Amino acid sequence: MMRRRFDVKEEAGEELQELLKGDRTHSVSQKSIDNPPPVIKVFGICLVFRIANALLIHTYFNPDEHWQSLEVAHRIVFGYGHMTWEWSAGIRSYLHPLIFAFFYKLLWFFNLDTPSMMVMAPRVYQSFFAAIGDAYFYRLSYSIFDKQTADWALLSQLTNWFMFYCITRTLSNSLEAVLTIMAIYYWPSLKCSQSPPYELRRTSRKVALVLAAFACAIRPTSAVIWIYLGTLHLFETRDKVKFVFMEVSPIGASVLALACLFDRWMYGSWVFVPLNFVKFNFFSSGGDYYGTHKWHWYFSQGFPTMLFTFAPFTTIGIWQSKEWKLFGLIAWVLGVYSILGHKEFRFVLPVLPIALLFSGYTLAKIGKCHSVELNCKGIGRTKQAHDFKKKWAILFLLLSNLPMAFYMSMIHQRGSEDAMAFLAREAAIGKVHSVLFLMPCHSTPYYSTLHRNISMRFLDCSPSAEEGYVDESDSFLLDPAKFTSLMALDWKQPSHILLFDSQERHLKDFLTSHSYKEIRRFFHAHFKVDRDLQAAVLVYALVEC
């Protein structure tokens, strides 16, 4: 009994000493002051995790993952691949596809461009960039708060369902998010006087500006983030002239010139992508052609869905940490993007890690006692209570996010990927000669997955300035049987047809009369997203007479 009392007093004494130092929001231990964060170890852990993450992705999320990156890269390296209307309009830069073109060239050189590798390898390649982003996210959390917060913030980043679902996909938004986190880490305005000295020495406006410039070159809308951060720093810095004219201007101009040279080389003529992109998306609201949401969607649905059960922890972390600059960045980005009619989850992916950083702060503080008024007898019991709360909080987050992450990554909308992987294997042995996609445009991957230069046809959905214009994809959905019958009057009959089960009942007679037979049916989804339930993807093949 005496020994137990001594232990409690000793434990309480240590905690009380820590508390009496002052309830500083950003406490920095001597260890964190003297030692840099274990970046190499963290990167290694994150790389292994993200490779496993990439290998678990078997579902179709957004067409741009394939059509605006891999499809273009495939055309550059192998000579065939579809270029969507965005490339004719000059609103896409070749910088992002060229990254994957380099990777495809390596696969081709080592004779590794097999059907299975063409499906899996690009996401594994992207996992390398994702792991770099994770490591820099850890360093950013460490530099703003402390090691304990960095540990919990990284756990939040790795277990958040949307990060797991999206960051290893070959979307330009994924790379934009990585570059943004890297640049913010080097940005001086977000470091505070309580940051570890080692981290204060790592700030570099020039490095941050180079990374930010490349993020803007890949996705011009990334400028929204840097208008906020740049303006913030402009008000804080004493050397305003140097900042604007000796750093921002020459670095921005240099990266922009490099991007223009790459685009001149690939397009074959001078194309100023940022201007074309802004004109289409901001001045003409061209993106609205693909659907719109209410102005408050990012605040009421979009971003809360991405955060999911991390949302209350993020909210608490924002309030307790008092890091209003970082909160301002999130609010600014969501606010500006809310002005646009066309909204998507992936557009605000770059600020999701910032929100998860606050969640890490909350988790780190759950295990700490903040009140200096507690007596010695109560502190030990309070610590046990806080530890108990932390365990339940972590269990709650894991049990809510991991099932969601696995379901969305491995089950929901996987039929598009499975059907194309099947056709790729069949085409490799000469069983597929041509394919017609009787489904909404861009519902599946294309040549970058099939990896055979055969005739393929999908329903076009390019926007038009013509009033009352109805594209092929919408015309088909209005009357599938009539549209397909008219198409068949002037076609070279394809060997295979892909369609969703929701259209099968309208086309059953047509398919039978034209000698097609169902050969495979792939599960796609349990619930509808924005159209009728598309429960399965069907593969029909022409029966040889």
Foldseek 3Di string as FASTA:
>chain_A
DVVVVVVLLVVLVVQLVVQVVDLDLFDEDPCLQVDPPPLVVQLVVQLVLQLVLLVLFQFDDDLCLFQVALQVLCCVQVVDGDHFVCVVLQQAFCPLNVVVNVVVNVCVVVVNLALVCLQRVQLNVLSSLVSLLLSLLLNQLCQLHHNQLSVLLSVLCSQQQLNSQPLSGSHLLNNLLSLQSNLVQQDQLRGDPNGRPVSNVSHDNQSSLLSLLVSCLRPVLSVLLVVLSVVSVCVVDPPNVCCVPVGNVVSNVVSQVVRQVSRCVVVVHGGNNSVSNCCCCPVVVVLCLVPFDQLCCCVPPQVCVSCPVLVVQLVVLCVSSVSVSLVVSLVSSSNVVSVRGDDDNSVSVSSSSSSSSSSSSSLSCLQGDNDSPDDSSVPVVSNVVSVVVSVVSVVVSNVPRVVSNSCSRNPAFSQQSVVLSVLLVCVVVPNFAEEEELAAPSSHRPCSNSVDPHHYYYFDDDDDPDPPDDGRRRVCVVQVLVSVVVVVVDDDDGFKYKYFPVCCVRCVVVCVVQQKDWDDKAAGHDADDPDHDRGIMTMIGHDDD
